Amino acid sequence: MLAIRMQRTGRKGHAMFRVVVQDSRVTPTSGKLVAQLGSYDPHAKTLTLDKEKSSFYLEHGANPSPRVARLLQAEGVKLPKWVVLSESKVGKLRHPEKLRRNRPEEPKAEIVAEAKAPAEEPVVETAAVEDEAPEETSEEV
């Protein structure tokens, strides 16, 4: 069975992909291709595709991968009825309570009032110590 899939090319950290037709039992990195349909650059979101070749292989039973099926649909290639497009995935949040948008709102009036009012300094009570100086007795001689 034939598969229309993406084959990774490009340097490390900057992937580019070829859209190829391969036997589904062969890994994409093997290099054994039936046909090359085009290329896809995920950084610039550009797709170059031979629409006639891709529609030919789709009519003759080549199964596109989910990503390739979305790319083909975006290019306007008519997909057979048996091709099922996957729903867009929604990532789940690990700790949604930590997001600012999910925190309970604090009343803004209190915040403004607190900002305008000077902070009260704590009053420290000290024991009143009376300085009793010894009285000087002056004896005049």
N, C-alpha and C. Protein backbone atom coordinates (compact mmCIF):
# COMPACT_ATOMS: atom_id res chain seq x y z
N MET A 1 0.84 -1.17 0.00
CA MET A 1 0.00 0.00 0.00
C MET A 1 0.89 1.24 0.00
N LEU A 2 0.50 2.25 -0.72
CA LEU A 2 1.28 3.48 -0.81
C LEU A 2 0.83 4.49 0.23
N ALA A 3 1.77 5.27 0.69
CA ALA A 3 1.50 6.32 1.67
C ALA A 3 2.08 7.62 1.17
N ILE A 4 1.31 8.69 1.35
CA ILE A 4 1.82 10.03 1.06
C ILE A 4 2.19 10.62 2.41
N ARG A 5 3.46 10.89 2.59
CA ARG A 5 3.95 11.35 3.89
C ARG A 5 5.02 12.40 3.70
N MET A 6 5.51 12.89 4.82
CA MET A 6 6.56 13.91 4.80
C MET A 6 7.89 13.29 5.19
N GLN A 7 8.92 13.66 4.44
CA GLN A 7 10.27 13.17 4.70
C GLN A 7 11.11 14.36 5.15
N ARG A 8 11.71 14.24 6.32
CA ARG A 8 12.45 15.37 6.90
C ARG A 8 13.79 15.55 6.20
N THR A 9 14.07 16.79 5.87
CA THR A 9 15.38 17.18 5.33
C THR A 9 15.79 18.45 6.05
N GLY A 10 16.89 19.02 5.67
CA GLY A 10 17.32 20.27 6.30
C GLY A 10 18.29 20.02 7.43
N ARG A 11 18.89 21.09 7.89
CA ARG A 11 19.89 20.97 8.94
C ARG A 11 19.25 20.84 10.32
N LYS A 12 20.07 20.58 11.28
CA LYS A 12 19.61 20.42 12.65
C LYS A 12 19.00 21.72 13.15
N GLY A 13 17.80 21.64 13.70
CA GLY A 13 17.14 22.81 14.23
C GLY A 13 16.38 23.62 13.19
N HIS A 14 16.50 23.29 11.93
CA HIS A 14 15.79 24.02 10.88
C HIS A 14 15.26 22.99 9.88
N ALA A 15 14.17 22.36 10.24
CA ALA A 15 13.62 21.27 9.43
C ALA A 15 12.95 21.78 8.17
N MET A 16 13.08 21.02 7.12
CA MET A 16 12.34 21.18 5.87
C MET A 16 11.80 19.80 5.55
N PHE A 17 10.72 19.74 4.82
CA PHE A 17 10.12 18.44 4.54
C PHE A 17 9.85 18.30 3.05
N ARG A 18 10.01 17.06 2.56
CA ARG A 18 9.58 16.70 1.22
C ARG A 18 8.26 15.95 1.36
N VAL A 19 7.34 16.20 0.46
CA VAL A 19 6.11 15.43 0.42
C VAL A 19 6.35 14.33 -0.61
N VAL A 20 6.36 13.07 -0.12
CA VAL A 20 6.75 11.95 -0.98
C VAL A 20 5.69 10.85 -0.94
N VAL A 21 5.73 10.01 -1.96
CA VAL A 21 4.91 8.81 -2.02
C VAL A 21 5.85 7.64 -1.82
N GLN A 22 5.54 6.79 -0.82
CA GLN A 22 6.38 5.65 -0.48
C GLN A 22 5.52 4.45 -0.20
N ASP A 23 6.17 3.29 -0.19
CA ASP A 23 5.51 2.10 0.30
C ASP A 23 5.35 2.28 1.81
N SER A 24 4.18 1.96 2.34
CA SER A 24 3.91 2.22 3.75
C SER A 24 4.74 1.35 4.68
N ARG A 25 5.33 0.27 4.17
CA ARG A 25 6.14 -0.60 5.02
C ARG A 25 7.58 -0.11 5.16
N VAL A 26 7.95 0.91 4.42
CA VAL A 26 9.31 1.43 4.41
C VAL A 26 9.35 2.71 5.25
N THR A 27 10.44 2.89 5.99
CA THR A 27 10.56 4.11 6.80
C THR A 27 10.81 5.32 5.90
N PRO A 28 10.38 6.50 6.34
CA PRO A 28 10.58 7.69 5.52
C PRO A 28 12.04 8.01 5.26
N THR A 29 12.93 7.58 6.15
CA THR A 29 14.35 7.91 6.00
C THR A 29 15.10 6.93 5.11
N SER A 30 14.42 5.89 4.62
CA SER A 30 15.12 4.87 3.83
C SER A 30 15.59 5.40 2.48
N GLY A 31 14.90 6.38 1.93
CA GLY A 31 15.29 6.92 0.65
C GLY A 31 14.64 6.25 -0.54
N LYS A 32 13.89 5.19 -0.31
CA LYS A 32 13.21 4.49 -1.41
C LYS A 32 11.87 5.17 -1.66
N LEU A 33 11.81 5.95 -2.72
CA LEU A 33 10.61 6.72 -3.03
C LEU A 33 9.94 6.19 -4.28
N VAL A 34 8.63 6.32 -4.34
CA VAL A 34 7.89 6.06 -5.56
C VAL A 34 7.84 7.36 -6.37
N ALA A 35 7.53 8.47 -5.67
CA ALA A 35 7.48 9.77 -6.33
C ALA A 35 7.67 10.87 -5.29
N GLN A 36 8.17 12.00 -5.76
CA GLN A 36 8.28 13.18 -4.92
C GLN A 36 7.25 14.19 -5.42
N LEU A 37 6.35 14.60 -4.52
CA LEU A 37 5.25 15.48 -4.92
C LEU A 37 5.55 16.96 -4.69
N GLY A 38 6.43 17.28 -3.76
CA GLY A 38 6.72 18.67 -3.49
C GLY A 38 7.51 18.82 -2.21
N SER A 39 7.47 20.03 -1.63
CA SER A 39 8.20 20.30 -0.40
C SER A 39 7.38 21.24 0.48
N TYR A 40 7.71 21.23 1.77
CA TYR A 40 7.01 22.07 2.75
C TYR A 40 8.03 22.69 3.69
N ASP A 41 7.94 24.00 3.88
CA ASP A 41 8.80 24.72 4.82
C ASP A 41 7.93 25.17 5.99
N PRO A 42 8.05 24.53 7.16
CA PRO A 42 7.19 24.90 8.28
C PRO A 42 7.51 26.26 8.89
N HIS A 43 8.69 26.79 8.65
CA HIS A 43 9.07 28.08 9.22
C HIS A 43 8.40 29.22 8.46
N ALA A 44 8.39 29.11 7.14
CA ALA A 44 7.75 30.13 6.31
C ALA A 44 6.33 29.74 5.94
N LYS A 45 5.90 28.54 6.30
CA LYS A 45 4.58 28.00 5.98
C LYS A 45 4.31 28.00 4.48
N THR A 46 5.33 27.64 3.70
CA THR A 46 5.18 27.59 2.26
C THR A 46 5.15 26.14 1.80
N LEU A 47 4.29 25.86 0.85
CA LEU A 47 4.13 24.52 0.31
C LEU A 47 4.21 24.60 -1.20
N THR A 48 5.10 23.83 -1.81
CA THR A 48 5.13 23.68 -3.25
C THR A 48 4.72 22.25 -3.53
N LEU A 49 3.71 22.08 -4.38
CA LEU A 49 3.11 20.78 -4.56
C LEU A 49 2.67 20.60 -6.00
N ASP A 50 2.91 19.41 -6.54
CA ASP A 50 2.41 19.05 -7.86
C ASP A 50 1.01 18.46 -7.66
N LYS A 51 -0.01 19.27 -7.95
CA LYS A 51 -1.39 18.87 -7.68
C LYS A 51 -1.84 17.71 -8.55
N GLU A 52 -1.40 17.67 -9.78
CA GLU A 52 -1.82 16.59 -10.68
C GLU A 52 -1.29 15.24 -10.21
N LYS A 53 -0.01 15.21 -9.83
CA LYS A 53 0.57 13.95 -9.33
C LYS A 53 -0.11 13.51 -8.05
N SER A 54 -0.34 14.47 -7.14
CA SER A 54 -0.94 14.10 -5.86
C SER A 54 -2.36 13.58 -6.04
N SER A 55 -3.15 14.20 -6.92
CA SER A 55 -4.51 13.70 -7.16
C SER A 55 -4.48 12.34 -7.85
N PHE A 56 -3.47 12.10 -8.71
CA PHE A 56 -3.33 10.80 -9.37
C PHE A 56 -3.10 9.70 -8.33
N TYR A 57 -2.17 9.92 -7.41
CA TYR A 57 -1.87 8.90 -6.39
C TYR A 57 -3.02 8.74 -5.40
N LEU A 58 -3.74 9.81 -5.10
CA LEU A 58 -4.90 9.69 -4.22
C LEU A 58 -6.00 8.86 -4.88
N GLU A 59 -6.21 9.05 -6.19
CA GLU A 59 -7.23 8.27 -6.90
C GLU A 59 -6.87 6.79 -6.96
N HIS A 60 -5.58 6.49 -6.95
CA HIS A 60 -5.13 5.11 -7.05
C HIS A 60 -4.83 4.49 -5.67
N GLY A 61 -5.33 5.11 -4.60
CA GLY A 61 -5.31 4.47 -3.30
C GLY A 61 -4.19 4.83 -2.35
N ALA A 62 -3.41 5.85 -2.65
CA ALA A 62 -2.35 6.25 -1.70
C ALA A 62 -2.99 6.92 -0.49
N ASN A 63 -2.57 6.51 0.68
CA ASN A 63 -3.15 7.01 1.92
C ASN A 63 -2.31 8.16 2.46
N PRO A 64 -2.85 9.38 2.56
CA PRO A 64 -2.06 10.49 3.08
C PRO A 64 -2.01 10.47 4.61
N SER A 65 -0.90 10.94 5.16
CA SER A 65 -0.79 11.09 6.60
C SER A 65 -1.71 12.25 7.02
N PRO A 66 -2.07 12.34 8.29
CA PRO A 66 -2.98 13.42 8.72
C PRO A 66 -2.47 14.82 8.39
N ARG A 67 -1.19 15.06 8.57
CA ARG A 67 -0.64 16.38 8.27
C ARG A 67 -0.66 16.66 6.77
N VAL A 68 -0.31 15.67 5.99
CA VAL A 68 -0.31 15.85 4.53
C VAL A 68 -1.74 16.04 4.03
N ALA A 69 -2.70 15.35 4.64
CA ALA A 69 -4.09 15.52 4.23
C ALA A 69 -4.55 16.96 4.45
N ARG A 70 -4.15 17.56 5.58
CA ARG A 70 -4.51 18.96 5.83
C ARG A 70 -3.82 19.90 4.85
N LEU A 71 -2.56 19.60 4.51
CA LEU A 71 -1.84 20.43 3.53
C LEU A 71 -2.48 20.31 2.15
N LEU A 72 -2.85 19.10 1.77
CA LEU A 72 -3.49 18.90 0.46
C LEU A 72 -4.83 19.64 0.41
N GLN A 73 -5.58 19.57 1.46
CA GLN A 73 -6.87 20.26 1.50
C GLN A 73 -6.67 21.77 1.42
N ALA A 74 -5.64 22.29 2.08
CA ALA A 74 -5.37 23.73 2.04
C ALA A 74 -4.96 24.18 0.64
N GLU A 75 -4.32 23.28 -0.11
CA GLU A 75 -3.90 23.62 -1.48
C GLU A 75 -5.04 23.47 -2.48
N GLY A 76 -6.15 22.87 -2.06
CA GLY A 76 -7.30 22.74 -2.95
C GLY A 76 -7.35 21.43 -3.70
N VAL A 77 -6.59 20.43 -3.28
CA VAL A 77 -6.64 19.12 -3.91
C VAL A 77 -7.87 18.40 -3.36
N LYS A 78 -8.67 17.82 -4.25
CA LYS A 78 -9.87 17.13 -3.82
C LYS A 78 -9.48 15.79 -3.21
N LEU A 79 -9.87 15.60 -1.95
CA LEU A 79 -9.56 14.37 -1.24
C LEU A 79 -10.69 13.36 -1.41
N PRO A 80 -10.37 12.06 -1.53
CA PRO A 80 -11.42 11.05 -1.61
C PRO A 80 -12.24 11.02 -0.32
N LYS A 81 -13.42 10.40 -0.38
CA LYS A 81 -14.31 10.36 0.78
C LYS A 81 -13.73 9.53 1.92
N TRP A 82 -12.90 8.56 1.61
CA TRP A 82 -12.37 7.67 2.64
C TRP A 82 -11.24 8.30 3.45
N VAL A 83 -10.73 9.46 3.02
CA VAL A 83 -9.70 10.16 3.78
C VAL A 83 -10.37 10.90 4.92
N VAL A 84 -9.98 10.57 6.14
CA VAL A 84 -10.56 11.19 7.32
C VAL A 84 -9.59 12.24 7.85
N LEU A 85 -10.07 13.47 7.93
CA LEU A 85 -9.25 14.54 8.49
C LEU A 85 -9.41 14.54 9.99
N SER A 86 -8.28 14.58 10.69
CA SER A 86 -8.31 14.59 12.15
C SER A 86 -8.70 15.97 12.64
N GLU A 87 -9.32 16.00 13.81
CA GLU A 87 -9.67 17.27 14.44
C GLU A 87 -8.39 17.95 14.91
N SER A 88 -8.44 19.26 14.99
CA SER A 88 -7.25 19.96 15.47
C SER A 88 -7.07 19.65 16.95
N LYS A 89 -5.85 19.40 17.32
CA LYS A 89 -5.54 19.04 18.70
C LYS A 89 -5.50 20.27 19.57
N VAL A 90 -5.98 20.10 20.78
CA VAL A 90 -5.93 21.18 21.75
C VAL A 90 -5.08 20.69 22.91
N GLY A 91 -4.01 21.39 23.17
CA GLY A 91 -3.12 20.99 24.26
C GLY A 91 -3.77 21.28 25.61
N LYS A 92 -3.49 20.41 26.57
CA LYS A 92 -4.07 20.65 27.89
C LYS A 92 -3.06 21.38 28.76
N LEU A 93 -3.57 22.17 29.65
CA LEU A 93 -2.73 22.93 30.56
C LEU A 93 -2.46 22.10 31.79
N ARG A 94 -1.24 22.13 32.26
CA ARG A 94 -0.90 21.34 33.44
C ARG A 94 -1.40 21.98 34.73
N HIS A 95 -1.21 23.27 34.87
CA HIS A 95 -1.64 23.97 36.08
C HIS A 95 -2.43 25.21 35.68
N PRO A 96 -3.70 25.04 35.31
CA PRO A 96 -4.47 26.21 34.86
C PRO A 96 -4.74 27.21 35.97
N GLU A 97 -4.69 26.77 37.22
CA GLU A 97 -4.97 27.71 38.32
C GLU A 97 -3.85 28.73 38.48
N LYS A 98 -2.69 28.48 37.91
CA LYS A 98 -1.58 29.41 38.03
C LYS A 98 -1.62 30.53 37.00
N LEU A 99 -2.46 30.41 36.01
CA LEU A 99 -2.55 31.45 35.00
C LEU A 99 -3.22 32.69 35.58
N ARG A 100 -2.75 33.85 35.16
CA ARG A 100 -3.33 35.10 35.66
C ARG A 100 -4.78 35.24 35.26
N ARG A 101 -5.12 34.75 34.08
CA ARG A 101 -6.50 34.92 33.62
C ARG A 101 -7.48 34.06 34.41
N ASN A 102 -6.99 33.04 35.11
CA ASN A 102 -7.87 32.17 35.88
C ASN A 102 -7.90 32.51 37.37
N ARG A 103 -7.13 33.49 37.79
CA ARG A 103 -7.14 33.87 39.19
C ARG A 103 -8.38 34.71 39.49
N PRO A 104 -8.88 34.63 40.71
CA PRO A 104 -10.04 35.49 41.05
C PRO A 104 -9.62 36.95 41.03
N GLU A 105 -10.55 37.78 40.60
CA GLU A 105 -10.23 39.21 40.49
C GLU A 105 -10.25 39.86 41.87
N GLU A 106 -9.29 40.72 42.08
CA GLU A 106 -9.24 41.48 43.32
C GLU A 106 -9.93 42.81 43.06
N PRO A 107 -10.64 43.31 44.05
CA PRO A 107 -11.29 44.61 43.85
C PRO A 107 -10.25 45.69 43.59
N LYS A 108 -10.45 46.42 42.53
CA LYS A 108 -9.47 47.43 42.15
C LYS A 108 -9.53 48.66 43.06
N ALA A 109 -10.69 48.95 43.65
CA ALA A 109 -10.82 50.12 44.51
C ALA A 109 -9.93 49.98 45.74
N GLU A 110 -9.86 48.80 46.29
CA GLU A 110 -9.03 48.60 47.47
C GLU A 110 -7.55 48.75 47.14
N ILE A 111 -7.18 48.28 45.99
CA ILE A 111 -5.79 48.37 45.58
C ILE A 111 -5.39 49.83 45.41
N VAL A 112 -6.27 50.61 44.79
CA VAL A 112 -5.97 52.03 44.58
C VAL A 112 -5.93 52.75 45.92
N ALA A 113 -6.87 52.43 46.83
CA ALA A 113 -6.90 53.10 48.12
C ALA A 113 -5.66 52.75 48.93
N GLU A 114 -5.22 51.51 48.85
CA GLU A 114 -4.02 51.11 49.57
C GLU A 114 -2.79 51.81 49.02
N ALA A 115 -2.77 52.01 47.73
CA ALA A 115 -1.61 52.65 47.11
C ALA A 115 -1.53 54.13 47.51
N LYS A 116 -2.70 54.79 47.64
CA LYS A 116 -2.69 56.21 47.96
C LYS A 116 -2.43 56.46 49.44
N ALA A 117 -2.98 55.61 50.30
CA ALA A 117 -2.82 55.82 51.74
C ALA A 117 -1.40 55.45 52.14
N PRO A 118 -0.77 56.31 52.97
CA PRO A 118 0.59 55.96 53.41
C PRO A 118 0.53 54.78 54.36
N ALA A 119 1.52 54.02 54.32
CA ALA A 119 1.58 52.87 55.20
C ALA A 119 1.79 53.32 56.63
N GLU A 120 1.03 52.71 57.52
CA GLU A 120 1.15 53.09 58.92
C GLU A 120 2.40 52.45 59.50
N GLU A 121 3.13 53.29 60.23
CA GLU A 121 4.34 52.76 60.85
C GLU A 121 3.96 52.15 62.19
N PRO A 122 4.51 51.01 62.51
CA PRO A 122 4.15 50.40 63.79
C PRO A 122 4.67 51.25 64.95
N VAL A 123 3.83 51.39 65.95
CA VAL A 123 4.19 52.19 67.11
C VAL A 123 4.89 51.28 68.11
N VAL A 124 6.08 51.64 68.47
CA VAL A 124 6.83 50.84 69.41
C VAL A 124 6.74 51.51 70.77
N GLU A 125 6.18 50.81 71.72
CA GLU A 125 6.06 51.36 73.05
C GLU A 125 7.30 50.99 73.85
N THR A 126 7.91 51.99 74.39
CA THR A 126 9.09 51.74 75.22
C THR A 126 8.77 52.15 76.65
N ALA A 127 9.35 51.48 77.56
CA ALA A 127 9.12 51.82 78.97
C ALA A 127 9.75 53.16 79.26
N ALA A 128 9.00 53.98 79.92
CA ALA A 128 9.50 55.31 80.23
C ALA A 128 10.56 55.17 81.33
N VAL A 129 11.73 55.49 80.97
CA VAL A 129 12.81 55.41 81.94
C VAL A 129 13.14 56.84 82.33
N GLU A 130 13.00 57.11 83.61
CA GLU A 130 13.30 58.45 84.08
C GLU A 130 14.78 58.53 84.38
N ASP A 131 15.35 59.46 83.76
CA ASP A 131 16.78 59.65 84.01
C ASP A 131 16.92 60.44 85.30
N GLU A 132 17.30 59.77 86.27
CA GLU A 132 17.54 60.46 87.53
C GLU A 132 19.04 60.66 87.70
N ALA A 133 19.39 61.84 87.53
CA ALA A 133 20.80 62.14 87.71
C ALA A 133 21.02 62.39 89.19
N PRO A 134 22.08 61.93 89.70
CA PRO A 134 22.33 62.19 91.12
C PRO A 134 22.51 63.69 91.34
N GLU A 135 21.86 64.14 92.37
CA GLU A 135 21.93 65.56 92.63
C GLU A 135 23.32 65.91 93.09
N GLU A 136 23.74 66.97 92.54
CA GLU A 136 25.10 67.37 92.90
C GLU A 136 25.06 68.19 94.19
N THR A 137 25.78 67.77 95.04
CA THR A 137 25.91 68.57 96.29
C THR A 137 27.22 69.31 96.20
N SER A 138 27.04 70.51 96.20
CA SER A 138 28.26 71.29 96.10
C SER A 138 28.58 71.87 97.48
N GLU A 139 29.61 71.50 97.89
CA GLU A 139 30.05 72.03 99.16
C GLU A 139 31.14 73.03 98.87
N GLU A 140 30.84 74.15 99.31
CA GLU A 140 31.85 75.17 99.08
C GLU A 140 32.78 75.21 100.27
N VAL A 141 33.91 75.21 100.03
CA VAL A 141 34.87 75.27 101.13
C VAL A 141 35.55 76.58 101.16
